[in-house]
Each structure stands twice: as structure tokens, then as C-alpha cells.
């Protein structure tokens, strides 16, 4: 006999389990179908494990430089097996926490592969979920009033440049490395590629980043991207931009060798390993979308502002709908979708108010429009920029490179975007995010008193700089 629920969530990643918790709070009877482990990519193969490795890399780098703080140490040694052990411990602790939240919310979890069925004996509408089990057990049929598709994404591969998990890797594979290579080629200078480049160079790996475009971090403000490249080069990373990787030249006899076309000429690059980091593809195949009227364009499920598909009782969130492929975005999309199901009149998400973070060293964070985007939209732009070098706490902290840039509309004084590169900016960006939500002006940010000495003083100074009134610069 089929089980009935108010909501079945396909995918137990961050977006899926947060949506399930919110639905349970509202009073829905909820089930999650997850073929892997609760927490999904973010917890097990993305956000959390990579940041754990980045933190170890940061500590290793700081230990080697401890003498600059007056702390004398013997030669610092890296025990990578313990680095991986620490990472796994953090992931396991958080995984148990998510499992506990499912019990607290009385949310049923089906550990299998969920497939959407068309109209059948179970329901006249598409949406019945068939749960398939790897051990061959008989499928479980679930009949929900609503379905939320939150199946996430997987690393994208380049045609002809297939990964093997050991020499040519995705970011998923790299997280499982038992030993660090002496050298690596990273194909792709986007967010994931730059985080790995920063981490590995801090682990004393020789890193070369090969990027197709003329700018690394192409979604970031141009000034931020230039500064990031400058500071990462200073750490020892080699950048090759405007390079088209020739996948048919890949050789793996001794390490890895590949050619890239640069200005019409082929150049050869060699290393112990290669990391392919060229984006992610939505997991929309074989989940039964063909049994519905759901529209898929360019690999992404199409929805309205409340994440309803063409099947009004089936919603989709997160990486499967494209847009900002970020865990915190998926979570808020899930909450919005669930509240829309429950007719609680949620507000649509304003994506211009969503902060983004890059956890490289130095960190990068932003919210709103870049200067180029603002000009393309027809705004008369006024900017303020202030360096960390003039901030006392940054000097005390020992990381004074980078800056904050604030972009405003000269006509209305509206805040259009805030972009940061430097120490702990991923923690500081929330102030800018709140300012965007509240439609604050640079004047209001400047007149919010920032305590001294703190890194956050840079926000107040950058806001003053919009009118040329910065105090310490």
C-alpha cells in the first residue's frame, strides 16, 4: 500500500532538508528521499569539507610565518592524513546533527533513489514517487500532495577530458586525496578552482590555473578579480588566461600532460595531477521529469518566482533550477517554496541581495551589482574604495592586503553593490547584505558607528569614501 504525505522532498541536501524542516514546522507530514547521505554535496563533498581543508592550509601557512609575530617555531610539518581525519570528523558531527533534526521534526527518510511517476493507479496526477533501493528490495510507492525537487548537481566534465578520480580529478575526487601532489594543473579559474588553488599552494603544492576567459573569478567585480589574481600570484600560483584546453592532447603516462591554445599557439603544461573545475551540471536525468509537463531548458528546471514548475503541485529549488548555485540560496528557496505551498504568502527572493563568498586566502565576498553590471543597467555610478592597509586591526591581525569597494547610484544614492577582498570578509559581508535588504545608502553605513579596532571599520571608511570623506585615507 502506498504511503501518503503532504510533502515529499527529492534530495536531502542543504536545500532539501531545510525545506523539510520548515514544512514540518508548518505542520506538514514530510518525507525525504535521498540515495546518499543527508546533507548532500554541501556537507559531504563541497562547502564543509573543502572549508575544513582550507582552514588547515591557513593554519599551516600561519605556522610557517609565526616568526613574523615574534613566535619562534621549529620547522612546521604537515601531516595530511590528520588533516583529512579532522575534515571527516567535522563532516560526521554535522551529519549526525542533521539526522537528529529529522527525528526532531518527525520527518521520514527513505534511503533510495526517487523517481517521479506519471498518472497511475496511485494518483490521477503525476507526482507519485517510486523509491528504488540498491539492495534490490521492492520499490516503495509514496503519494504526496506536493513534491519538492532538490536533487542538486554534480561536477561538470569537459568533452574528451574525462576524469579518472586519481590523476585527472573533479573536486569530489580531490577531497579524498590521501597524499598531496607536488604539482597540479587546475582547469578553470572560477570559485571552486580558485579555492582549491589557494588551499593547495598554502599546502606547498606547485599550482597552475588554466582559465579560458581573460579574467579569473569572472562573476566578480573586475577590481576584485584583478586584486585576487595579484595576491594569489604573490603566493606562487601561476595563472594562464585566455587558454583553450586541447583535451585530445591529454597524456597520463607519468603524471599528467596537456596542451592549451593561447593566442593561436599551443603550449604544453605538465604536473603530477589535474583538477577539472569548470562548473556543475544539474541532476535532472532519470528522475522522471519525462512523466510530467515540467519544462527543462538548458538542463535546468523552469519555475516561477515561488519555485512552482508547470505542474503546480511540483516545486524545484537549488542547483536544478540554475541561477545562484549556493547552499544558502537553496535553503531560502526551499523555505519560500514550502511557505508558498502552505499559502503563507512569502516574499520572492531578491537575488541582488544575496551575499556570495569565496573562501580562498585572501577571502572574497560580494553582494549586489558589479561596477560593470551597474553601468550596463544604465546607472550613473559612484564608488568608494578603502584598503585594509589603513585599518589597525588588519595590521594587528597580520593580513592587511585587499580592500572594500562600495558602488552606489549617483542619482538616487541607492546602494548597488559591495565587494570585498581581504581578511575575514566572508564574515563581514552580512552587514552589506543587511544594508541591501534595508535599502540603506552609503551615508547610513558611514554613520553606523563601527567599533575600533575591528576589521569592520573598513566598511565605514569605504562608505565615507563614496563622497571622498574617508578619515584615514
Protein backbone atom coordinates (compact mmCIF):
# COMPACT_ATOMS: atom_id res chain seq x y z
CA UNK A 1 0.00 0.00 0.00
CA UNK A 2 1.32 3.43 -0.93
CA UNK A 3 2.37 5.85 1.82
CA UNK A 4 0.79 9.32 1.79
CA UNK A 5 2.48 12.60 2.73
CA UNK A 6 1.78 16.31 2.47
CA UNK A 7 5.24 16.80 1.00
CA UNK A 8 7.94 14.55 -0.41
CA UNK A 9 11.36 16.12 -0.97
CA UNK A 10 13.57 14.54 -3.61
CA UNK A 11 17.11 15.11 -2.33
CA UNK A 12 18.36 15.51 1.23
CA UNK A 13 20.99 18.18 0.60
CA UNK A 14 21.03 21.55 2.32
CA UNK A 15 18.10 22.95 0.34
CA UNK A 16 16.07 19.75 0.67
CA UNK A 17 16.45 19.09 4.38
CA UNK A 18 15.97 22.78 5.31
CA UNK A 19 12.74 22.82 3.29
CA UNK A 20 11.64 19.62 5.01
CA UNK A 21 12.26 21.12 8.45
CA UNK A 22 10.30 24.26 7.58
CA UNK A 23 7.42 22.14 6.23
CA UNK A 24 7.34 20.11 9.44
CA UNK A 25 7.26 23.34 11.47
CA UNK A 26 4.20 24.44 9.49
CA UNK A 27 2.51 21.14 10.32
CA UNK A 28 3.03 19.12 7.17
CA UNK A 29 3.70 15.40 7.20
CA UNK A 30 7.03 15.21 5.36
CA UNK A 31 9.34 12.62 3.81
CA UNK A 32 12.76 12.95 2.21
CA UNK A 33 14.06 10.58 -0.44
CA UNK A 34 17.87 10.57 -0.58
CA UNK A 35 20.03 7.96 -2.29
CA UNK A 36 23.19 9.04 -0.47
CA UNK A 37 23.68 10.74 2.86
CA UNK A 38 21.66 13.58 4.34
CA UNK A 39 23.44 16.87 3.85
CA UNK A 40 24.21 16.23 0.20
CA UNK A 41 27.05 17.85 -1.71
CA UNK A 42 27.47 20.81 0.64
CA UNK A 43 28.06 18.71 3.73
CA UNK A 44 29.89 15.74 2.25
CA UNK A 45 31.59 16.89 -0.99
CA UNK A 46 31.55 20.68 -1.03
CA UNK A 47 31.15 23.55 1.42
CA UNK A 48 32.10 21.91 4.70
CA UNK A 49 34.93 19.50 3.79
CA UNK A 50 36.63 22.00 1.47
CA UNK A 51 36.48 24.73 4.12
CA UNK A 52 37.94 22.31 6.68
CA UNK A 53 40.89 21.73 4.34
CA UNK A 54 41.21 25.46 3.68
CA UNK A 55 41.41 26.10 7.42
CA UNK A 56 44.17 23.52 7.83
CA UNK A 57 46.04 25.14 4.93
CA UNK A 58 45.66 28.54 6.57
CA UNK A 59 46.99 27.26 9.91
CA UNK A 60 49.93 25.57 8.16
CA UNK A 61 50.78 28.80 6.34
CA UNK A 62 50.49 30.88 9.53
CA UNK A 63 52.65 28.42 11.46
CA UNK A 64 55.41 28.73 8.87
CA UNK A 65 55.17 32.50 9.22
CA UNK A 66 54.87 32.53 13.03
CA UNK A 67 58.25 34.23 13.40
CA UNK A 68 56.75 37.41 11.93
CA UNK A 69 54.57 37.58 15.06
CA UNK A 70 57.53 37.06 17.36
CA UNK A 71 56.75 33.37 17.81
CA UNK A 72 59.74 31.12 17.13
CA UNK A 73 58.90 27.59 15.99
CA UNK A 74 60.82 24.61 14.69
CA UNK A 75 60.18 23.54 11.12
CA UNK A 76 56.44 23.14 10.58
CA UNK A 77 55.46 19.74 9.22
CA UNK A 78 52.18 18.82 7.55
CA UNK A 79 50.50 15.51 8.42
CA UNK A 80 47.93 15.32 5.63
CA UNK A 81 46.31 12.16 6.97
CA UNK A 82 45.44 14.09 10.14
CA UNK A 83 44.16 16.98 8.02
CA UNK A 84 41.79 14.54 6.32
CA UNK A 85 40.88 12.96 9.64
CA UNK A 86 39.88 16.36 11.05
CA UNK A 87 37.81 17.09 7.95
CA UNK A 88 35.97 13.77 8.26
CA UNK A 89 35.31 14.36 11.95
CA UNK A 90 33.64 17.70 11.25
CA UNK A 91 31.52 16.21 8.46
CA UNK A 92 30.46 13.27 10.64
CA UNK A 93 29.49 15.54 13.53
CA UNK A 94 27.34 17.73 11.30
CA UNK A 95 25.82 14.68 9.59
CA UNK A 96 24.68 13.34 12.96
CA UNK A 97 23.21 16.76 13.68
CA UNK A 98 21.12 16.68 10.50
CA UNK A 99 19.92 13.16 11.31
CA UNK A 100 18.87 14.42 14.73
CA UNK A 101 16.94 17.28 13.15
CA UNK A 102 15.00 14.77 11.03
CA UNK A 103 13.98 12.86 14.17
CA UNK A 104 13.06 16.08 15.96
CA UNK A 105 10.81 17.12 13.06
CA UNK A 106 9.35 13.59 12.68
CA UNK A 107 10.49 13.62 9.07
CA UNK A 108 10.67 10.20 7.42
CA UNK A 109 13.81 9.50 5.42
CA UNK A 110 13.83 6.92 2.61
CA UNK A 111 17.36 5.88 1.66
CA UNK A 112 16.87 5.16 -2.01
CA UNK A 113 16.60 6.70 -5.47
CA UNK A 114 13.37 8.62 -6.04
CA UNK A 115 11.67 8.71 -9.41
CA UNK A 116 8.57 10.73 -10.31
CA UNK A 117 5.79 8.67 -11.89
CA UNK A 118 3.07 9.86 -14.23
CA UNK A 119 -0.65 9.40 -13.59
CA UNK A 120 -1.23 5.91 -12.25
CA UNK A 121 -3.41 3.77 -10.01
CA UNK A 122 -1.91 5.66 -7.09
CA UNK A 123 -2.88 9.16 -8.28
CA UNK A 124 -4.56 10.74 -11.30
CA UNK A 125 -1.81 13.39 -11.33
CA UNK A 126 1.91 12.93 -11.94
CA UNK A 127 3.92 13.08 -8.76
CA UNK A 128 3.78 9.68 -7.11
CA UNK A 129 7.33 8.83 -6.06
CA UNK A 130 8.80 5.39 -6.63
CA UNK A 131 11.70 4.76 -4.25
CA UNK A 132 14.21 2.30 -5.67
CA UNK A 133 16.73 0.53 -3.42
CA UNK A 134 20.26 -0.59 -4.30
CA UNK A 135 19.83 -3.87 -2.42
CA UNK A 136 17.02 -4.93 -4.72
CA UNK A 137 14.20 -4.56 -2.20
CA UNK A 138 10.74 -3.95 -3.61
CA UNK A 139 10.11 -0.31 -4.52
CA UNK A 140 8.23 1.88 -2.06
CA UNK A 141 5.43 3.99 -3.51
CA UNK A 142 4.83 7.40 -1.92
CA UNK A 143 1.84 9.57 -2.81
CA UNK A 144 2.42 13.21 -1.84
CA UNK A 145 0.18 16.25 -2.12
CA UNK A 146 3.26 18.22 -3.08
CA UNK A 147 6.72 17.34 -4.39
CA UNK A 148 9.89 19.39 -3.99
CA UNK A 149 12.74 18.53 -6.37
CA UNK A 150 16.08 19.33 -4.71
CA UNK A 151 18.41 16.87 -6.41
CA UNK A 152 21.38 19.22 -6.67
CA UNK A 153 24.23 18.96 -9.15
CA UNK A 154 27.46 17.17 -9.99
CA UNK A 155 30.85 18.39 -11.27
CA UNK A 156 30.83 19.14 -15.00
CA UNK A 157 33.35 17.48 -17.28
CA UNK A 158 34.91 18.80 -20.47
CA UNK A 159 34.32 16.79 -23.66
CA UNK A 160 37.26 14.45 -24.17
CA UNK A 161 38.72 15.31 -20.76
CA UNK A 162 37.28 12.51 -18.70
CA UNK A 163 38.23 12.28 -15.06
CA UNK A 164 39.61 9.07 -13.59
CA UNK A 165 39.41 10.00 -9.92
CA UNK A 166 43.13 9.82 -9.23
CA UNK A 167 45.24 11.66 -11.82
CA UNK A 168 42.52 13.72 -13.51
CA UNK A 169 40.10 14.69 -10.78
CA UNK A 170 36.91 16.54 -10.01
CA UNK A 171 36.60 18.49 -6.77
CA UNK A 172 34.76 15.44 -5.33
CA UNK A 173 37.79 13.27 -6.08
CA UNK A 174 40.28 15.82 -4.76
CA UNK A 175 38.58 15.83 -1.36
CA UNK A 176 39.50 12.17 -0.97
CA UNK A 177 43.21 12.52 -1.78
CA UNK A 178 45.36 10.53 0.67
CA UNK A 179 48.53 12.34 -0.32
CA UNK A 180 49.18 15.77 -1.75
CA UNK A 181 50.80 16.01 -5.18
CA UNK A 182 53.93 18.08 -5.69
CA UNK A 183 52.27 19.90 -8.58
CA UNK A 184 48.80 20.28 -10.06
CA UNK A 185 47.09 21.86 -13.06
CA UNK A 186 43.68 23.35 -12.26
CA UNK A 187 41.46 23.75 -15.32
CA UNK A 188 39.07 26.58 -14.52
CA UNK A 189 39.59 29.82 -12.62
CA UNK A 190 36.11 30.13 -11.16
CA UNK A 191 35.16 29.97 -7.49
CA UNK A 192 35.91 26.28 -6.90
CA UNK A 193 39.13 26.36 -8.90
CA UNK A 194 40.43 29.40 -7.04
CA UNK A 195 39.57 27.97 -3.62
CA UNK A 196 41.50 24.80 -4.47
CA UNK A 197 44.38 26.79 -5.93
CA UNK A 198 44.66 28.86 -2.76
CA UNK A 199 44.42 25.82 -0.50
CA UNK A 200 46.93 23.70 -2.37
CA UNK A 201 49.54 26.45 -2.71
CA UNK A 202 49.28 27.01 1.06
CA UNK A 203 49.96 23.27 1.37
CA UNK A 204 53.16 23.88 -0.66
CA UNK A 205 51.80 22.35 -3.88
CA UNK A 206 53.00 23.95 -7.14
CA UNK A 207 49.76 25.24 -8.74
CA UNK A 208 48.99 26.33 -12.30
CA UNK A 209 45.49 27.63 -13.10
CA UNK A 210 44.41 27.46 -16.74
CA UNK A 211 41.40 29.68 -17.46
CA UNK A 212 39.50 30.03 -20.75
CA UNK A 213 38.43 33.64 -20.12
CA UNK A 214 40.63 36.72 -19.72
CA UNK A 215 39.59 37.15 -16.08
CA UNK A 216 39.69 34.73 -13.18
CA UNK A 217 36.59 34.80 -10.97
CA UNK A 218 34.51 36.06 -13.92
CA UNK A 219 31.39 36.69 -11.82
CA UNK A 220 33.23 39.09 -9.50
CA UNK A 221 33.81 42.82 -9.87
CA UNK A 222 36.78 43.43 -12.18
CA UNK A 223 38.77 45.30 -9.50
CA UNK A 224 38.29 42.39 -7.08
CA UNK A 225 39.33 39.80 -9.66
CA UNK A 226 42.50 41.76 -10.51
CA UNK A 227 43.41 42.08 -6.84
CA UNK A 228 42.74 38.38 -6.23
CA UNK A 229 45.00 37.42 -9.12
CA UNK A 230 47.75 39.76 -7.91
CA UNK A 231 47.67 38.42 -4.35
CA UNK A 232 47.42 34.77 -5.41
CA UNK A 233 50.35 35.23 -7.80
CA UNK A 234 52.27 36.61 -4.84
CA UNK A 235 51.63 33.30 -3.07
CA UNK A 236 53.20 31.47 -6.00
CA UNK A 237 50.25 30.46 -8.18
CA UNK A 238 50.76 30.61 -11.96
CA UNK A 239 47.79 31.87 -13.99
CA UNK A 240 47.31 31.17 -17.69
CA UNK A 241 44.32 33.10 -19.05
CA UNK A 242 42.65 33.13 -22.44
CA UNK A 243 43.62 29.47 -22.79
CA UNK A 244 41.57 26.83 -24.60
CA UNK A 245 42.45 23.40 -23.24
CA UNK A 246 43.03 20.87 -26.03
CA UNK A 247 41.54 17.81 -24.39
CA UNK A 248 42.74 15.42 -27.11
CA UNK A 249 46.35 16.15 -26.09
CA UNK A 250 45.90 14.72 -22.58
CA UNK A 251 48.59 12.21 -21.60
CA UNK A 252 48.82 10.34 -18.29
CA UNK A 253 51.93 8.17 -18.64
CA UNK A 254 53.92 9.97 -15.94
CA UNK A 255 51.68 12.37 -14.10
CA UNK A 256 49.62 14.44 -16.49
CA UNK A 257 50.45 16.48 -19.59
CA UNK A 258 48.13 18.62 -21.68
CA UNK A 259 48.26 21.40 -24.23
CA UNK A 260 46.29 24.65 -24.27
CA UNK A 261 45.86 27.07 -27.16
CA UNK A 262 46.90 30.61 -26.23
CA UNK A 263 46.84 33.38 -28.83
CA UNK A 264 46.73 30.74 -31.57
CA UNK A 265 49.74 28.81 -30.27
CA UNK A 266 49.77 25.52 -28.37
CA UNK A 267 51.59 25.43 -25.04
CA UNK A 268 52.24 22.28 -23.00
CA UNK A 269 51.63 22.02 -19.26
CA UNK A 270 52.73 19.15 -17.05
CA UNK A 271 52.07 18.24 -13.42
CA UNK A 272 51.51 15.29 -11.10
CA UNK A 273 47.74 15.72 -11.16
CA UNK A 274 44.97 17.72 -12.78
CA UNK A 275 41.79 19.14 -11.24
CA UNK A 276 38.95 19.88 -13.67
CA UNK A 277 36.81 22.66 -12.23
CA UNK A 278 34.57 24.03 -14.97
CA UNK A 279 31.20 24.30 -13.23
CA UNK A 280 28.43 21.90 -12.26
CA UNK A 281 25.54 20.18 -14.08
CA UNK A 282 22.07 19.82 -12.59
CA UNK A 283 20.91 16.35 -11.58
CA UNK A 284 17.76 16.15 -13.71
CA UNK A 285 18.35 12.89 -15.60
CA UNK A 286 16.35 9.75 -14.74
CA UNK A 287 14.28 11.35 -12.00
CA UNK A 288 11.05 11.03 -14.01
CA UNK A 289 10.64 14.53 -15.39
CA UNK A 290 9.56 12.98 -18.70
CA UNK A 291 6.47 11.69 -16.90
CA UNK A 292 5.34 15.26 -16.21
CA UNK A 293 4.75 18.53 -18.05
CA UNK A 294 7.73 20.11 -16.26
CA UNK A 295 9.77 22.30 -18.62
CA UNK A 296 13.55 21.84 -18.73
CA UNK A 297 15.71 24.36 -20.62
CA UNK A 298 19.48 24.06 -20.98
CA UNK A 299 19.50 21.36 -18.34
CA UNK A 300 17.60 23.37 -15.71
CA UNK A 301 14.04 23.03 -14.45
CA UNK A 302 11.95 26.11 -15.14
CA UNK A 303 9.92 27.58 -12.26
CA UNK A 304 8.08 30.75 -11.28
CA UNK A 305 9.20 33.12 -8.50
CA UNK A 306 7.87 30.73 -5.89
CA UNK A 307 9.59 27.69 -7.45
CA UNK A 308 6.48 26.09 -8.88
CA UNK A 309 7.02 24.12 -12.06
CA UNK A 310 4.43 23.79 -14.81
CA UNK A 311 2.96 21.08 -12.59
CA UNK A 312 1.58 23.38 -9.89
CA UNK A 313 2.00 20.80 -7.07
CA UNK A 314 5.62 20.07 -8.01
CA UNK A 315 8.27 22.59 -6.98
CA UNK A 316 12.03 22.71 -7.66
CA UNK A 317 14.88 24.56 -5.90
CA UNK A 318 18.65 24.84 -5.78
CA UNK A 319 21.12 23.78 -8.41
CA UNK A 320 18.48 22.03 -10.55
CA UNK A 321 16.92 25.39 -11.43
CA UNK A 322 20.22 27.11 -12.22
CA UNK A 323 20.84 30.66 -11.05
CA UNK A 324 22.99 31.11 -7.94
CA UNK A 325 24.25 27.62 -7.13
CA UNK A 326 24.85 28.26 -3.44
CA UNK A 327 23.78 26.31 -0.37
CA UNK A 328 22.30 29.32 1.42
CA UNK A 329 20.32 30.21 -1.70
CA UNK A 330 18.90 26.69 -1.99
CA UNK A 331 17.88 26.79 1.68
CA UNK A 332 15.95 30.03 1.29
CA UNK A 333 14.40 28.87 -1.97
CA UNK A 334 13.23 25.76 -0.13
CA UNK A 335 11.68 27.79 2.68
CA UNK A 336 9.95 30.07 0.17
CA UNK A 337 8.60 27.10 -1.80
CA UNK A 338 7.23 25.38 1.30
CA UNK A 339 5.61 28.54 2.60
CA UNK A 340 4.02 29.07 -0.83
CA UNK A 341 2.61 25.53 -0.68
CA UNK A 342 1.12 26.41 2.71
CA UNK A 343 -0.38 29.69 1.38
CA UNK A 344 1.51 31.85 3.88
CA UNK A 345 2.27 34.50 1.22
CA UNK A 346 6.09 34.51 1.27
CA UNK A 347 8.01 37.26 -0.48
CA UNK A 348 10.03 36.29 -3.57
CA UNK A 349 13.79 36.19 -3.07
CA UNK A 350 15.65 39.29 -4.24
CA UNK A 351 18.78 37.72 -5.70
CA UNK A 352 20.61 41.05 -5.82
CA UNK A 353 20.54 40.95 -2.01
CA UNK A 354 22.20 37.53 -1.73
CA UNK A 355 25.81 37.62 -0.49
CA UNK A 356 28.36 35.37 -2.18
CA UNK A 357 31.62 34.17 -0.65
CA UNK A 358 34.90 32.72 -1.87
CA UNK A 359 36.96 31.09 0.88
CA UNK A 360 40.38 31.46 -0.70
CA UNK A 361 43.22 33.20 1.11
CA UNK A 362 42.59 36.13 0.72
CA UNK A 363 38.84 35.75 1.05
CA UNK A 364 36.41 37.38 -1.38
CA UNK A 365 32.80 38.36 -0.72
CA UNK A 366 30.21 40.42 -2.53
CA UNK A 367 26.57 41.40 -2.72
CA UNK A 368 24.69 43.22 -5.47
CA UNK A 369 25.89 44.50 -8.83
CA UNK A 370 29.46 44.77 -10.02
CA UNK A 371 30.53 48.15 -11.38
CA UNK A 372 30.32 46.82 -14.94
CA UNK A 373 26.82 45.40 -14.39
CA UNK A 374 25.64 48.66 -12.84
CA UNK A 375 26.85 50.67 -15.83
CA UNK A 376 25.31 48.18 -18.26
CA UNK A 377 21.97 48.68 -16.49
CA UNK A 378 22.23 52.42 -17.10
CA UNK A 379 23.13 53.63 -13.61
CA UNK A 380 25.34 56.67 -13.12
CA UNK A 381 27.86 55.03 -10.83
CA UNK A 382 29.73 56.49 -7.89
CA UNK A 383 32.20 54.29 -5.99
CA UNK A 384 34.14 54.35 -2.75
CA UNK A 385 37.15 52.14 -2.08
CA UNK A 386 39.19 51.74 1.08
CA UNK A 387 42.22 49.47 1.76
CA UNK A 388 42.71 47.16 4.72
CA UNK A 389 46.26 48.53 4.93
CA UNK A 390 44.88 51.61 6.70
CA UNK A 391 42.91 49.54 9.23
CA UNK A 392 44.71 48.99 12.53
CA UNK A 393 43.13 45.62 13.28
CA UNK A 394 44.22 44.30 9.87
CA UNK A 395 47.83 45.21 10.67
CA UNK A 396 47.49 43.59 14.12
CA UNK A 397 45.97 40.52 12.51
CA UNK A 398 48.85 40.31 10.06
CA UNK A 399 46.75 40.41 6.89
CA UNK A 400 46.42 43.93 5.54
CA UNK A 401 46.12 43.35 1.79
CA UNK A 402 42.87 43.88 -0.05
CA UNK A 403 40.07 46.45 0.12
CA UNK A 404 36.33 47.09 0.24
CA UNK A 405 34.59 48.70 -2.71
CA UNK A 406 31.10 50.22 -2.47
CA UNK A 407 29.07 51.02 -5.60
CA UNK A 408 26.17 53.48 -5.46
CA UNK A 409 23.77 55.18 -7.84
CA UNK A 410 24.82 58.82 -8.02
CA UNK A 411 21.28 59.98 -8.79
CA UNK A 412 19.34 58.17 -6.03
CA UNK A 413 22.21 57.36 -3.64
CA UNK A 414 20.94 53.74 -3.59
CA UNK A 415 23.44 51.08 -2.67
CA UNK A 416 24.05 48.96 -5.78
CA UNK A 417 26.84 46.62 -4.72
CA UNK A 418 29.52 45.93 -2.14
CA UNK A 419 32.66 43.95 -2.98
CA UNK A 420 35.40 42.86 -0.59
CA UNK A 421 38.74 41.09 -0.71
CA UNK A 422 40.84 40.60 2.39
CA UNK A 423 40.82 39.05 5.87
CA UNK A 424 37.52 37.62 7.15
CA UNK A 425 35.42 39.38 4.52
CA UNK A 426 33.15 36.32 4.26
CA UNK A 427 32.07 37.13 7.82
CA UNK A 428 31.78 40.88 7.21
CA UNK A 429 29.64 40.71 4.05
CA UNK A 430 26.46 40.21 6.10
CA UNK A 431 26.50 43.88 7.09
CA UNK A 432 26.42 44.79 3.42
CA UNK A 433 23.69 42.22 2.82
CA UNK A 434 21.54 43.75 5.54
CA UNK A 435 22.19 47.21 4.12
CA UNK A 436 20.93 45.99 0.74
CA UNK A 437 17.81 44.42 2.25
CA UNK A 438 17.02 47.64 4.14
CA UNK A 439 17.79 49.76 1.08
CA UNK A 440 20.43 51.67 3.01
CA UNK A 441 22.63 54.35 1.50
CA UNK A 442 26.39 54.72 1.82
CA UNK A 443 25.71 57.69 4.13
CA UNK A 444 23.76 55.43 6.50
CA UNK A 445 26.53 52.81 6.51
CA UNK A 446 29.11 55.52 7.18
CA UNK A 447 27.10 56.86 10.11
CA UNK A 448 26.69 53.43 11.68
CA UNK A 449 29.45 53.53 14.29
CA UNK A 450 31.95 50.70 13.72
CA UNK A 451 33.92 49.72 16.85
CA UNK A 452 37.66 50.30 16.99
CA UNK A 453 39.86 48.41 16.46
CA UNK A 454 37.98 46.00 14.21
CA UNK A 455 38.23 44.85 10.62
CA UNK A 456 34.66 46.10 10.13
CA UNK A 457 35.90 49.71 10.25
CA UNK A 458 36.82 49.27 6.61
CA UNK A 459 33.09 49.29 5.75
CA UNK A 460 32.55 52.65 7.36
CA UNK A 461 35.62 54.13 5.68
CA UNK A 462 34.63 52.75 2.25
CA UNK A 463 31.17 54.24 2.69
CA UNK A 464 32.70 57.62 3.56
CA UNK A 465 34.97 57.29 0.51
CA UNK A 466 31.95 57.36 -1.81
CA UNK A 467 31.86 61.13 -1.18
CA UNK A 468 35.61 61.43 -0.68
CA UNK A 469 35.23 61.86 3.08
CA UNK A 470 37.25 58.88 4.32
CA UNK A 471 39.10 59.70 7.54
CA UNK A 472 42.21 57.51 7.43
CA UNK A 473 42.95 57.51 3.74
